[in-house]
Amino acid sequence: MRIAAAIAFAQSLPRAEIDGAADKEVVFTFKNGATRRFIGRSLLLTFSVPQFFFHVTTAYDILRHAGVDLAKKDFLGPRR
């Protein structure tokens, strides 16, 4: 249900807004008050993608440590 809602939301966004986001400034304000400025493209490539893969890898490691039978193929997906 949540995945379907997320897909519906993403599909409802205006295409021009998405295409223009690469050059927009984004400012993160952290809990301690520190700020970090990005341009959309830089946010995606230097912050968001590495964060995503860090969390995927950490979840994979925790599951393996807990005894779940996972292998590299489970992380990489099926061969094409």
Protein backbone atom coordinates (compact mmCIF):
# COMPACT_ATOMS: atom_id res chain seq x y z
CA MET A 1 0.00 0.00 0.00
CA ARG A 2 2.78 2.46 0.89
CA ILE A 3 4.74 1.66 -2.26
CA ALA A 4 1.65 2.20 -4.41
CA ALA A 5 1.01 5.53 -2.67
CA ALA A 6 4.62 6.61 -3.21
CA ILE A 7 4.43 5.67 -6.92
CA ALA A 8 1.14 7.54 -7.33
CA PHE A 9 2.63 10.61 -5.64
CA ALA A 10 5.74 10.55 -7.83
CA GLN A 11 3.64 10.19 -10.97
CA SER A 12 1.46 13.14 -9.93
CA LEU A 13 4.39 15.59 -9.85
CA PRO A 14 4.65 17.95 -12.81
CA ARG A 15 7.41 16.80 -15.19
CA ALA A 16 8.80 20.34 -15.58
CA GLU A 17 9.21 20.62 -11.81
CA ILE A 18 11.21 17.39 -11.69
CA ASP A 19 13.36 18.35 -14.68
CA GLY A 20 14.12 21.76 -13.14
CA ALA A 21 15.09 20.34 -9.74
CA ALA A 22 18.64 19.53 -10.84
CA ASP A 23 19.60 23.20 -10.73
CA LYS A 24 17.58 24.33 -7.67
CA GLU A 25 19.29 25.12 -4.40
CA VAL A 26 18.40 22.89 -1.47
CA VAL A 27 19.36 23.77 2.10
CA PHE A 28 19.34 21.13 4.84
CA THR A 29 19.12 22.32 8.43
CA PHE A 30 20.21 19.66 10.89
CA LYS A 31 18.98 19.26 14.49
CA ASN A 32 22.08 21.01 15.82
CA GLY A 33 21.31 24.07 13.66
CA ALA A 34 24.08 23.44 11.14
CA THR A 35 23.13 23.90 7.51
CA ARG A 36 24.40 22.32 4.34
CA ARG A 37 23.69 23.75 0.88
CA PHE A 38 23.34 21.67 -2.25
CA ILE A 39 22.25 22.05 -5.84
CA GLY A 40 19.65 19.38 -6.69
CA ARG A 41 22.02 17.33 -8.87
CA SER A 42 24.74 17.42 -6.23
CA LEU A 43 22.27 16.47 -3.50
CA LEU A 44 21.26 13.39 -5.44
CA LEU A 45 24.73 12.25 -6.47
CA THR A 46 26.86 13.14 -3.43
CA PHE A 47 24.38 12.76 -0.56
CA SER A 48 21.16 10.86 -1.34
CA VAL A 49 22.51 7.94 -3.38
CA PRO A 50 25.39 7.23 -0.96
CA GLN A 51 22.95 7.44 1.99
CA PHE A 52 20.60 4.98 0.27
CA PHE A 53 23.34 2.43 -0.39
CA PHE A 54 24.77 2.83 3.11
CA HIS A 55 21.39 1.95 4.62
CA VAL A 56 20.73 -0.93 2.22
CA THR A 57 24.15 -2.39 2.99
CA THR A 58 23.70 -1.92 6.74
CA ALA A 59 20.30 -3.66 6.69
CA TYR A 60 21.86 -6.52 4.68
CA ASP A 61 24.70 -6.82 7.21
CA ILE A 62 22.33 -6.80 10.20
CA LEU A 63 20.15 -9.48 8.63
CA ARG A 64 23.19 -11.66 7.86
CA HIS A 65 24.48 -11.20 11.41
CA ALA A 66 21.05 -12.25 12.73
CA GLY A 67 21.30 -15.52 10.81
CA VAL A 68 19.16 -14.72 7.77
CA ASP A 69 20.40 -16.78 4.82
CA LEU A 70 21.41 -14.04 2.39
CA ALA A 71 24.08 -14.08 -0.28
CA LYS A 72 25.50 -11.57 -2.73
CA LYS A 73 22.87 -12.58 -5.30
CA ASP A 74 20.16 -11.42 -2.87
CA PHE A 75 21.77 -7.99 -2.73
CA LEU A 76 22.48 -7.72 -6.47
CA GLY A 77 19.26 -9.31 -7.74
CA PRO A 78 18.78 -11.82 -10.55
CA ARG A 79 21.13 -11.91 -13.54
CA ARG A 80 19.73 -10.55 -16.77
